Amino acid sequence: SSFEMSATHHRPTTTAAPQTTTTAASRFDDSDHRGLLASSSGVLASEEVGDVEIIKDSSQQASFFGATVNLFKAFVGAGILALPNAFMKGGVVTSSILLLVISVTAYHCIVTLLKCVAAMRDRAGHNVPTQSPRDDYHATVRTDEDSSSDGETETDDMFKDSRRRISLGAVGYAAYGVTGRRVSNFSLCATQLGACVAYTSFFAENFHVVFPAVSRVSWVVIASIILCFATQVRHIKYVAPVSLVGVIVFFVSLFVFWIAGFSDYCCVPSDEVSLVDWGGLGFVFGSLAFAMEGVALVLPIQSSMRDKSKFPRVVQVSIVLVTVCYLVFAVSGYMFFGPDTDSVITINTHGSVGVALQLSLSIVLLSTYVVQIFPVILLIESTLHGSPWMPHDFITDTITGTYRKQLKSHVRTSVRLALVLLTGLVAGGMHNFGTIVSITGSLTTSMLAFILPQAFYLKLCAPPLGVTGMFSRSMIRFAALPVTIIVFGLIASVIGLYFSVAG
């Protein structure tokens, strides 16, 4: 789990010469970061301009294969590790059916999200609604005048410039204004923080098993101390090499786990395998929803494609691969350990291979923490940056020669320390990795992946009321499926949250 980011914004000042207006595009979104990690068709490079990140396409943007790899990796993350335990609680048959339902629903939500972007193009003449960088860390940075010398805003060119990528927050703004953007941002940030809590818990539980003399809470404290220093990194590009190694180690560890499971643990007697358990489906829904958080990266990955007309096919292939990967890993992991399947699946492994898996995956997820929390940090800093009562430093931009306002260093440090402390406290109080994953999925990721895309679709793609009428047959036909998905998402979220907390 990763997301879109923006940098602080430049403010021109008056000097001896007449005041001039400079406009900079400051974008560094998660798709670009993920492109840095795993684009097989070409690396998306970032060029730093002062405190501004401008994305350059170093090789004509991503190919079909590169976009498929990026989208697949956007979905497959730490959530997969909680699925065997979820399938144990929900039964193999019922959980598999729910996985298929959620996968089809996620695909439909992605398609409707793409339709929303097309509707935005049609309605605005290839312009997107103007956004304030204070309210949305997805926004393109603008000057005080919010316009360039020819009278066009930075967002007027967003669809024409492949370096500037539209986000879920921009779609939310187009649909429901500032409220839509803020709900989108809140869902993204809450999902990110939930993932950070899960990673800290996973690290602590595994290290406690390997080193039982040190308590789980002590490992949470140790992890938090390490993260207090790691999160002081000011630019995401500095952690990209570590993340690249982490991605490779993560998938290699999954493969080793699968091979070791078949050779050393497979399989429990069939009478120990639960096939149907309707009571556990709420918990399963939360875990599967958490695993579908890659929906948030669909728009940036589409923007990075060389031939965007092929993106629907990319989505189809990726969703099929993700579904198969989840199904195989969840069912086989449950078959390996049966009713003893732990929420942290690596704890079930033993010997030198088990220890290696526990330590490697724990360190990988802890290193991913910095990438996961970075969007939240930037959103808070962006909000504080626009607050007149916050202390600022005024420094000279070495590129443009103008002054710009930046939050004082101790404010930025305090934001990072506070977030690490928050996630550490929650991880220390919640003792089950699977429960954290399910609660996060039920509370926030289901909103992000299922509910918001349908709500935006109802607003942006609805036929004009003057033509059809509110309760006409065509309007009812248009709204039936989106409303059904929204209701399903809300009910499933409540049920999933209840069973996750009760468990």
Protein backbone atom coordinates (compact mmCIF):
# COMPACT_ATOMS: atom_id res chain seq x y z
CA SER A 1 0.00 0.00 0.00
CA SER A 2 1.07 4.03 -1.80
CA PHE A 3 -0.42 7.34 -2.85
CA GLU A 4 -0.25 10.68 -4.56
CA MET A 5 1.70 13.58 -3.13
CA SER A 6 2.30 17.24 -3.76
CA ALA A 7 5.06 19.55 -2.61
CA THR A 8 4.88 22.93 -0.92
CA HIS A 9 3.93 25.81 -3.11
CA HIS A 10 5.95 28.75 -4.38
CA ARG A 11 4.99 32.32 -3.57
CA PRO A 12 6.46 35.11 -5.67
CA THR A 13 7.59 38.23 -3.85
CA THR A 14 8.12 41.83 -4.87
CA THR A 15 11.71 42.96 -5.32
CA ALA A 16 13.30 45.95 -7.01
CA ALA A 17 12.07 44.65 -10.33
CA PRO A 18 8.36 44.48 -11.11
CA GLN A 19 6.63 41.51 -9.54
CA THR A 20 6.39 38.51 -11.80
CA THR A 21 4.25 35.45 -11.48
CA THR A 22 5.89 32.06 -11.69
CA THR A 23 3.96 28.85 -11.84
CA ALA A 24 5.39 25.43 -11.04
CA ALA A 25 3.88 22.03 -11.37
CA SER A 26 4.66 20.18 -8.19
CA ARG A 27 3.59 16.62 -8.48
CA PHE A 28 4.98 13.40 -7.14
CA ASP A 29 2.23 10.87 -6.93
CA ASP A 30 2.33 7.27 -5.89
CA SER A 31 2.02 5.98 -9.40
CA ASP A 32 5.28 7.68 -10.18
CA HIS A 33 6.83 6.19 -7.09
CA ARG A 34 5.56 2.77 -8.06
CA GLY A 35 6.81 3.40 -11.56
CA LEU A 36 10.23 4.02 -10.09
CA LEU A 37 10.04 0.64 -8.44
CA ALA A 38 8.65 -1.72 -11.00
CA SER A 39 7.99 -0.26 -14.41
CA SER A 40 9.38 -2.79 -16.82
CA SER A 41 8.92 -0.58 -19.84
CA GLY A 42 10.68 2.49 -18.58
CA VAL A 43 11.52 4.30 -15.38
CA LEU A 44 9.61 7.42 -14.45
CA ALA A 45 12.22 9.80 -13.13
CA SER A 46 11.66 12.73 -10.81
CA GLU A 47 13.53 15.99 -11.13
CA GLU A 48 13.79 18.15 -8.04
CA VAL A 49 13.27 21.87 -8.51
CA GLY A 50 13.79 23.44 -5.12
CA ASP A 51 11.08 21.75 -3.09
CA VAL A 52 9.14 20.84 -6.23
CA GLU A 53 9.02 17.41 -7.81
CA ILE A 54 8.42 17.41 -11.58
CA ILE A 55 7.86 14.02 -13.16
CA LYS A 56 9.63 13.35 -16.44
CA ASP A 57 8.91 10.40 -18.70
CA SER A 58 12.30 9.00 -19.55
CA SER A 59 11.10 6.47 -22.13
CA GLN A 60 7.77 7.38 -23.69
CA GLN A 61 5.63 6.22 -20.75
CA ALA A 62 4.62 2.71 -19.73
CA SER A 63 3.79 -0.10 -22.13
CA PHE A 64 0.89 -2.53 -21.74
CA PHE A 65 3.11 -4.96 -19.84
CA GLY A 66 4.61 -2.24 -17.63
CA ALA A 67 1.20 -0.87 -16.68
CA THR A 68 -0.06 -4.39 -15.92
CA VAL A 69 2.91 -5.05 -13.62
CA ASN A 70 2.40 -1.72 -11.84
CA LEU A 71 -1.32 -2.31 -11.30
CA PHE A 72 -0.76 -5.89 -10.15
CA LYS A 73 1.84 -4.71 -7.64
CA ALA A 74 -0.46 -1.92 -6.49
CA PHE A 75 -2.99 -4.55 -5.39
CA VAL A 76 -0.74 -7.32 -4.06
CA GLY A 77 0.76 -6.16 -0.77
CA ALA A 78 0.67 -6.93 2.93
CA GLY A 79 -3.06 -7.70 2.79
CA ILE A 80 -2.35 -11.04 1.13
CA LEU A 81 -0.63 -12.27 4.31
CA ALA A 82 -3.91 -12.06 6.27
CA LEU A 83 -6.02 -13.98 3.75
CA PRO A 84 -5.31 -17.60 4.88
CA ASN A 85 -6.55 -16.75 8.39
CA ALA A 86 -9.57 -14.96 6.90
CA PHE A 87 -10.43 -18.02 4.77
CA MET A 88 -10.17 -20.18 7.90
CA LYS A 89 -12.79 -18.00 9.60
CA GLY A 90 -15.09 -17.76 6.59
CA GLY A 91 -14.73 -21.21 5.08
CA VAL A 92 -13.01 -22.03 1.81
CA VAL A 93 -16.10 -22.13 -0.40
CA THR A 94 -17.92 -19.09 0.97
CA SER A 95 -14.71 -17.03 1.18
CA SER A 96 -13.79 -17.94 -2.41
CA ILE A 97 -17.22 -16.88 -3.65
CA LEU A 98 -16.93 -13.59 -1.76
CA LEU A 99 -13.47 -13.04 -3.27
CA LEU A 100 -14.90 -13.46 -6.76
CA VAL A 101 -17.77 -11.09 -5.98
CA ILE A 102 -15.41 -8.44 -4.62
CA SER A 103 -13.03 -8.81 -7.57
CA VAL A 104 -15.85 -8.34 -10.08
CA THR A 105 -17.14 -5.37 -8.06
CA ALA A 106 -13.67 -3.82 -7.91
CA TYR A 107 -13.35 -4.18 -11.68
CA HIS A 108 -16.72 -2.50 -12.19
CA CYS A 109 -15.73 0.34 -9.85
CA ILE A 110 -12.54 0.90 -11.82
CA VAL A 111 -14.51 1.06 -15.06
CA THR A 112 -16.94 3.60 -13.58
CA LEU A 113 -14.02 5.66 -12.28
CA LEU A 114 -12.62 5.83 -15.81
CA LYS A 115 -16.05 6.91 -17.05
CA CYS A 116 -16.01 9.70 -14.47
CA VAL A 117 -12.72 10.99 -15.85
CA ALA A 118 -14.14 10.87 -19.39
CA ALA A 119 -17.19 12.81 -18.20
CA MET A 120 -14.92 15.42 -16.60
CA ARG A 121 -13.15 15.86 -19.93
CA ASP A 122 -16.42 16.23 -21.79
CA ARG A 123 -17.97 18.69 -19.36
CA ALA A 124 -14.91 20.89 -18.91
CA GLY A 125 -13.56 20.81 -22.43
CA HIS A 126 -10.48 18.87 -21.34
CA ASN A 127 -10.12 21.04 -18.23
CA VAL A 128 -10.45 19.84 -14.68
CA PRO A 129 -11.91 21.84 -11.79
CA THR A 130 -9.55 24.27 -10.11
CA GLN A 131 -8.24 22.99 -6.79
CA SER A 132 -6.56 24.64 -3.85
CA PRO A 133 -3.26 23.07 -2.75
CA ARG A 134 -4.22 23.74 0.85
CA ASP A 135 -7.23 21.43 0.61
CA ASP A 136 -5.84 18.69 -1.63
CA TYR A 137 -2.39 17.23 -1.66
CA HIS A 138 -3.22 15.80 -5.10
CA ALA A 139 -3.60 19.29 -6.55
CA THR A 140 -1.21 20.89 -8.97
CA VAL A 141 0.47 23.78 -7.20
CA ARG A 142 -0.57 27.27 -8.30
CA THR A 143 0.59 30.77 -7.52
CA ASP A 144 -1.24 33.43 -5.54
CA GLU A 145 -2.85 34.62 -8.76
CA ASP A 146 -3.86 31.02 -9.60
CA SER A 147 -3.14 31.73 -13.22
CA SER A 148 -0.32 32.00 -15.69
CA SER A 149 0.43 34.92 -17.94
CA ASP A 150 -1.94 33.74 -20.65
CA GLY A 151 -4.85 33.51 -18.24
CA GLU A 152 -4.98 29.72 -17.97
CA THR A 153 -4.66 27.91 -14.67
CA GLU A 154 -2.24 25.06 -14.14
CA THR A 155 -5.11 22.58 -13.97
CA ASP A 156 -6.35 23.71 -17.39
CA ASP A 157 -3.57 21.63 -18.96
CA MET A 158 -3.73 18.59 -16.72
CA PHE A 159 -5.13 16.31 -19.39
CA LYS A 160 -2.74 17.65 -22.05
CA ASP A 161 0.44 17.18 -20.03
CA SER A 162 1.25 13.54 -19.31
CA ARG A 163 3.39 14.58 -16.32
CA ARG A 164 0.34 15.84 -14.41
CA ARG A 165 -1.93 13.09 -13.29
CA ILE A 166 -5.51 13.35 -12.23
CA SER A 167 -6.33 11.71 -8.91
CA LEU A 168 -9.27 10.39 -6.96
CA GLY A 169 -9.33 13.68 -5.06
CA ALA A 170 -9.72 15.60 -8.33
CA VAL A 171 -12.65 13.39 -9.33
CA GLY A 172 -14.21 13.93 -5.91
CA TYR A 173 -13.83 17.68 -6.32
CA ALA A 174 -15.46 17.58 -9.74
CA ALA A 175 -18.39 15.61 -8.34
CA TYR A 176 -19.05 17.20 -4.95
CA GLY A 177 -16.66 20.12 -4.64
CA VAL A 178 -14.45 20.55 -1.59
CA THR A 179 -16.47 17.99 0.38
CA GLY A 180 -15.87 15.29 -2.22
CA ARG A 181 -12.16 16.02 -2.27
CA ARG A 182 -11.83 15.99 1.50
CA VAL A 183 -13.76 12.72 1.86
CA SER A 184 -11.46 11.17 -0.74
CA ASN A 185 -8.38 12.47 1.03
CA PHE A 186 -9.63 11.29 4.41
CA SER A 187 -10.28 7.78 3.06
CA LEU A 188 -6.82 7.67 1.50
CA CYS A 189 -5.08 8.88 4.65
CA ALA A 190 -7.07 6.62 6.97
CA THR A 191 -6.22 3.65 4.76
CA GLN A 192 -2.54 4.62 4.81
CA LEU A 193 -2.46 4.98 8.59
CA GLY A 194 -4.28 1.66 9.01
CA ALA A 195 -1.65 0.00 6.82
CA CYS A 196 1.11 1.58 8.93
CA VAL A 197 -0.48 0.20 12.09
CA ALA A 198 -0.69 -3.24 10.47
CA TYR A 199 2.96 -3.15 9.42
CA THR A 200 4.10 -2.18 12.91
CA SER A 201 2.00 -4.96 14.43
CA PHE A 202 3.33 -7.52 11.93
CA PHE A 203 6.91 -6.55 12.78
CA ALA A 204 6.31 -6.79 16.52
CA GLU A 205 4.48 -10.14 16.42
CA ASN A 206 7.12 -11.82 14.26
CA PHE A 207 10.10 -10.49 16.19
CA HIS A 208 8.44 -11.52 19.46
CA VAL A 209 8.18 -15.09 18.15
CA VAL A 210 11.82 -15.12 17.04
CA PHE A 211 13.05 -13.35 20.21
CA PRO A 212 10.47 -14.32 22.88
CA ALA A 213 12.51 -12.78 25.70
CA VAL A 214 11.44 -9.36 24.42
CA SER A 215 7.72 -8.65 24.73
CA ARG A 216 5.52 -7.70 21.78
CA VAL A 217 4.90 -4.22 23.20
CA SER A 218 8.66 -3.70 23.55
CA TRP A 219 9.09 -4.54 19.87
CA VAL A 220 6.38 -2.00 19.02
CA VAL A 221 8.37 0.59 20.97
CA ILE A 222 11.62 -0.41 19.21
CA ALA A 223 9.93 -0.20 15.82
CA SER A 224 8.48 3.22 16.66
CA ILE A 225 11.89 4.54 17.71
CA ILE A 226 13.39 3.38 14.40
CA LEU A 227 10.50 4.94 12.48
CA CYS A 228 10.86 8.25 14.31
CA PHE A 229 14.23 8.62 12.62
CA ALA A 230 13.26 7.03 9.29
CA THR A 231 10.26 9.32 8.74
CA GLN A 232 12.41 12.44 9.01
CA VAL A 233 13.36 11.90 5.37
CA ARG A 234 12.10 14.99 3.54
CA HIS A 235 11.95 13.57 0.01
CA ILE A 236 10.40 10.27 -1.05
CA LYS A 237 13.09 9.71 -3.68
CA TYR A 238 15.60 8.89 -0.94
CA VAL A 239 13.66 5.79 0.13
CA ALA A 240 12.95 4.56 -3.42
CA PRO A 241 16.04 2.27 -3.55
CA VAL A 242 15.09 0.68 -0.23
CA SER A 243 11.54 0.18 -1.47
CA LEU A 244 12.80 -1.44 -4.66
CA VAL A 245 14.76 -4.00 -2.65
CA GLY A 246 11.73 -4.45 -0.40
CA VAL A 247 9.41 -5.24 -3.32
CA ILE A 248 11.80 -7.90 -4.62
CA VAL A 249 12.29 -9.47 -1.17
CA PHE A 250 8.52 -9.44 -0.55
CA PHE A 251 7.62 -11.44 -3.66
CA VAL A 252 10.58 -13.79 -3.26
CA SER A 253 9.48 -14.44 0.34
CA LEU A 254 5.94 -15.23 -0.78
CA PHE A 255 7.28 -17.72 -3.31
CA VAL A 256 9.59 -19.34 -0.73
CA PHE A 257 6.70 -19.59 1.73
CA TRP A 258 4.53 -21.30 -0.87
CA ILE A 259 7.25 -23.80 -1.85
CA ALA A 260 8.15 -24.53 1.80
CA GLY A 261 4.46 -25.00 2.62
CA PHE A 262 3.97 -27.69 0.01
CA SER A 263 7.21 -29.47 0.91
CA ASP A 264 6.97 -29.31 4.73
CA TYR A 265 3.38 -28.65 5.82
CA CYS A 266 0.91 -29.78 3.16
CA CYS A 267 -1.71 -30.71 3.96
CA VAL A 268 -4.11 -31.01 6.90
CA PRO A 269 -6.81 -33.71 6.86
CA SER A 270 -9.91 -32.73 4.91
CA ASP A 271 -12.15 -33.01 7.99
CA GLU A 272 -10.18 -30.13 9.58
CA VAL A 273 -10.95 -27.78 6.70
CA SER A 274 -14.01 -25.56 7.03
CA LEU A 275 -15.85 -25.20 3.73
CA VAL A 276 -18.78 -22.97 4.71
CA ASP A 277 -18.99 -20.53 7.61
CA TRP A 278 -21.42 -17.67 7.02
CA GLY A 279 -20.68 -16.13 10.40
CA GLY A 280 -17.10 -15.29 9.43
CA LEU A 281 -17.85 -13.56 6.11
CA GLY A 282 -17.90 -10.11 7.72
CA PHE A 283 -14.30 -10.58 8.81
CA VAL A 284 -13.40 -11.95 5.36
CA PHE A 285 -14.94 -8.90 3.67
CA GLY A 286 -12.75 -6.53 5.69
CA SER A 287 -9.60 -8.49 4.84
CA LEU A 288 -10.47 -8.66 1.14
CA ALA A 289 -11.40 -4.97 1.03
CA PHE A 290 -8.01 -4.10 2.52
CA ALA A 291 -6.38 -6.18 -0.19
CA MET A 292 -8.21 -4.16 -2.89
CA GLU A 293 -6.71 -0.79 -1.99
CA GLY A 294 -4.94 -0.66 -5.36
CA VAL A 295 -8.08 0.94 -6.79
CA ALA A 296 -6.73 4.28 -5.59
CA LEU A 297 -3.79 4.01 -8.01
CA VAL A 298 -5.81 3.23 -11.13
CA LEU A 299 -5.98 6.80 -12.46
CA PRO A 300 -2.27 7.61 -12.06
CA ILE A 301 -1.26 4.31 -13.67
CA GLN A 302 -3.63 4.94 -16.56
CA SER A 303 -2.06 8.38 -17.02
CA SER A 304 1.39 6.81 -17.23
CA MET A 305 0.43 4.53 -20.16
CA ARG A 306 1.74 5.11 -23.64
CA ASP A 307 -1.51 3.90 -25.26
CA LYS A 308 -4.35 4.68 -22.87
CA SER A 309 -6.92 2.94 -25.06
CA LYS A 310 -5.43 -0.38 -23.90
CA PHE A 311 -5.93 0.39 -20.21
CA PRO A 312 -9.31 -1.42 -19.86
CA ARG A 313 -7.53 -4.57 -21.00
CA VAL A 314 -4.76 -3.87 -18.48
CA VAL A 315 -7.40 -3.71 -15.73
CA GLN A 316 -8.98 -6.98 -16.85
CA VAL A 317 -5.67 -8.86 -16.92
CA SER A 318 -4.53 -7.38 -13.60
CA ILE A 319 -7.76 -8.16 -11.75
CA VAL A 320 -7.70 -11.76 -13.03
CA LEU A 321 -4.07 -12.20 -11.95
CA VAL A 322 -4.72 -10.61 -8.56
CA THR A 323 -7.78 -12.80 -7.96
CA VAL A 324 -5.92 -15.98 -8.88
CA CYS A 325 -2.95 -14.98 -6.71
CA TYR A 326 -5.17 -14.23 -3.71
CA LEU A 327 -7.18 -17.40 -4.14
CA VAL A 328 -4.16 -19.68 -4.48
CA PHE A 329 -2.27 -18.13 -1.56
CA ALA A 330 -5.30 -18.02 0.77
CA VAL A 331 -6.49 -21.57 0.08
CA SER A 332 -3.03 -23.13 0.10
CA GLY A 333 -2.02 -21.25 3.26
CA TYR A 334 -5.15 -22.54 5.01
CA MET A 335 -4.54 -26.08 3.71
CA PHE A 336 -1.00 -26.00 5.10
CA PHE A 337 -1.99 -25.24 8.71
CA GLY A 338 -5.75 -25.86 8.96
CA PRO A 339 -7.48 -24.61 12.12
CA ASP A 340 -4.10 -23.48 13.52
CA THR A 341 -3.62 -20.86 10.78
CA ASP A 342 -2.42 -17.70 12.50
CA SER A 343 -3.38 -14.18 11.50
CA VAL A 344 0.35 -13.64 10.94
CA ILE A 345 0.84 -16.60 8.61
CA THR A 346 4.63 -16.60 8.95
CA ILE A 347 4.33 -17.51 12.64
CA ASN A 348 3.12 -20.96 11.56
CA THR A 349 6.44 -21.69 9.83
CA HIS A 350 9.32 -23.26 11.74
CA GLY A 351 13.02 -23.92 11.38
CA SER A 352 15.59 -21.77 9.65
CA VAL A 353 13.32 -21.10 6.67
CA GLY A 354 10.54 -19.96 9.01
CA VAL A 355 12.85 -17.61 10.90
CA ALA A 356 14.18 -16.19 7.64
CA LEU A 357 10.64 -15.56 6.38
CA GLN A 358 9.56 -13.94 9.63
CA LEU A 359 12.53 -11.60 9.79
CA SER A 360 12.67 -10.71 6.09
CA LEU A 361 8.95 -9.93 5.69
CA SER A 362 8.91 -7.99 8.96
CA ILE A 363 11.83 -5.80 7.92
CA VAL A 364 10.37 -5.32 4.43
CA LEU A 365 7.01 -4.15 5.78
CA LEU A 366 8.64 -1.87 8.32
CA SER A 367 10.71 -0.27 5.55
CA THR A 368 7.50 0.20 3.53
CA TYR A 369 6.04 2.18 6.45
CA VAL A 370 7.86 5.35 5.35
CA VAL A 371 6.38 5.18 1.84
CA GLN A 372 2.90 4.49 3.21
CA ILE A 373 2.87 7.39 5.66
CA PHE A 374 4.44 9.96 3.33
CA PRO A 375 1.14 11.06 1.68
CA VAL A 376 -0.39 11.66 5.12
CA ILE A 377 2.61 13.76 6.15
CA LEU A 378 2.40 15.86 3.00
CA LEU A 379 -1.35 16.40 3.37
CA ILE A 380 -0.93 17.66 6.94
CA GLU A 381 2.01 19.85 5.96
CA SER A 382 0.04 21.24 3.03
CA THR A 383 -2.84 22.09 5.35
CA LEU A 384 -0.54 23.73 7.90
CA HIS A 385 1.28 25.56 5.12
CA GLY A 386 -1.91 27.40 4.28
CA SER A 387 -2.57 28.38 7.90
CA PRO A 388 -1.43 31.95 8.63
CA TRP A 389 -0.87 31.23 12.32
CA MET A 390 1.74 28.53 11.69
CA PRO A 391 5.45 29.48 11.96
CA HIS A 392 7.30 29.58 8.64
CA ASP A 393 10.79 30.09 7.30
CA PHE A 394 11.34 32.21 4.20
CA ILE A 395 14.09 30.80 2.03
CA THR A 396 15.41 31.61 -1.43
CA ASP A 397 14.62 29.25 -4.26
CA THR A 398 17.91 28.42 -5.97
CA ILE A 399 16.18 27.77 -9.30
CA THR A 400 13.85 30.76 -9.70
CA GLY A 401 15.54 33.22 -7.35
CA THR A 402 12.22 33.95 -5.65
CA TYR A 403 11.32 33.57 -2.00
CA ARG A 404 9.08 30.80 -0.82
CA LYS A 405 7.48 30.04 2.48
CA GLN A 406 8.23 26.73 4.16
CA LEU A 407 7.07 25.32 7.46
CA LYS A 408 9.73 25.57 10.12
CA SER A 409 11.76 22.42 10.52
CA HIS A 410 10.53 21.71 14.05
CA VAL A 411 6.90 21.79 12.84
CA ARG A 412 7.60 19.25 10.10
CA THR A 413 9.52 17.08 12.56
CA SER A 414 6.69 17.23 15.09
CA VAL A 415 4.12 16.13 12.49
CA ARG A 416 6.17 13.03 11.69
CA LEU A 417 6.80 12.15 15.33
CA ALA A 418 3.11 12.56 16.19
CA LEU A 419 2.02 10.22 13.38
CA VAL A 420 4.56 7.55 14.36
CA LEU A 421 3.45 7.83 17.99
CA LEU A 422 -0.21 7.48 16.95
CA THR A 423 0.35 4.35 14.87
CA GLY A 424 2.60 2.88 17.56
CA LEU A 425 -0.03 3.37 20.27
CA VAL A 426 -2.72 1.71 18.16
CA ALA A 427 -0.41 -1.18 17.18
CA GLY A 428 0.55 -1.68 20.83
CA GLY A 429 -3.09 -1.80 21.89
CA MET A 430 -4.30 -4.14 19.16
CA HIS A 431 -2.67 -7.55 19.34
CA ASN A 432 -3.84 -9.16 16.11
CA PHE A 433 -2.54 -8.35 12.64
CA GLY A 434 -5.58 -9.90 10.93
CA THR A 435 -7.99 -7.84 13.03
CA ILE A 436 -6.16 -4.62 12.18
CA VAL A 437 -6.32 -5.49 8.47
CA SER A 438 -10.03 -6.34 8.62
CA ILE A 439 -10.96 -3.19 10.58
CA THR A 440 -9.00 -0.98 8.18
CA GLY A 441 -10.59 -2.67 5.19
CA SER A 442 -14.10 -2.37 6.62
CA LEU A 443 -13.75 1.24 7.77
CA THR A 444 -11.75 2.93 5.04
CA THR A 445 -10.69 0.79 2.09
CA SER A 446 -14.24 -0.26 1.24
CA MET A 447 -15.13 3.43 1.06
CA LEU A 448 -12.15 4.07 -1.18
CA ALA A 449 -12.58 1.08 -3.49
CA PHE A 450 -16.35 0.60 -3.74
CA ILE A 451 -18.48 3.43 -2.35
CA LEU A 452 -16.72 6.58 -3.56
CA PRO A 453 -16.31 5.54 -7.24
CA GLN A 454 -20.04 4.77 -7.46
CA ALA A 455 -21.01 8.00 -5.69
CA PHE A 456 -18.86 10.00 -8.11
CA TYR A 457 -20.35 8.11 -11.06
CA LEU A 458 -23.90 8.95 -10.00
CA LYS A 459 -23.01 12.63 -9.93
CA LEU A 460 -20.76 12.99 -12.97
CA CYS A 461 -22.29 10.55 -15.44
CA ALA A 462 -26.01 10.87 -14.77
CA PRO A 463 -28.14 11.90 -17.77
CA PRO A 464 -29.64 15.41 -17.56
CA LEU A 465 -32.78 15.47 -15.42
CA GLY A 466 -34.54 17.69 -17.91
CA VAL A 467 -34.30 14.93 -20.48
CA THR A 468 -35.08 11.86 -18.40
CA GLY A 469 -36.71 12.98 -15.14
CA MET A 470 -35.71 11.89 -11.64
CA PHE A 471 -37.74 8.66 -11.62
CA SER A 472 -37.80 7.82 -15.30
CA ARG A 473 -37.04 4.30 -16.44
CA SER A 474 -33.69 5.32 -17.91
CA MET A 475 -32.64 7.09 -14.69
CA ILE A 476 -33.65 4.10 -12.56
CA ARG A 477 -31.73 1.79 -14.88
CA PHE A 478 -28.70 4.07 -14.68
CA ALA A 479 -28.71 4.31 -10.87
CA ALA A 480 -29.72 0.75 -9.97
CA LEU A 481 -26.29 -0.91 -10.01
CA PRO A 482 -24.29 1.98 -8.46
CA VAL A 483 -26.81 2.34 -5.64
CA THR A 484 -26.76 -1.44 -5.09
CA ILE A 485 -22.96 -1.42 -4.80
CA ILE A 486 -23.05 1.54 -2.41
CA VAL A 487 -25.62 -0.18 -0.19
CA PHE A 488 -23.66 -3.45 -0.35
CA GLY A 489 -20.47 -1.61 0.60
CA LEU A 490 -22.08 0.18 3.53
CA ILE A 491 -23.81 -2.92 4.93
CA ALA A 492 -20.75 -5.13 4.45
CA SER A 493 -18.55 -2.49 6.09
CA VAL A 494 -20.77 -2.34 9.18
CA ILE A 495 -20.95 -6.13 9.44
CA GLY A 496 -17.22 -6.50 8.83
CA LEU A 497 -16.40 -3.89 11.44
CA TYR A 498 -18.69 -5.54 14.00
CA PHE A 499 -17.20 -9.02 13.56
CA SER A 500 -13.65 -7.67 13.44
CA VAL A 501 -14.08 -5.79 16.72
CA ALA A 502 -15.99 -8.66 18.31
CA GLY A 503 -13.26 -11.07 17.25
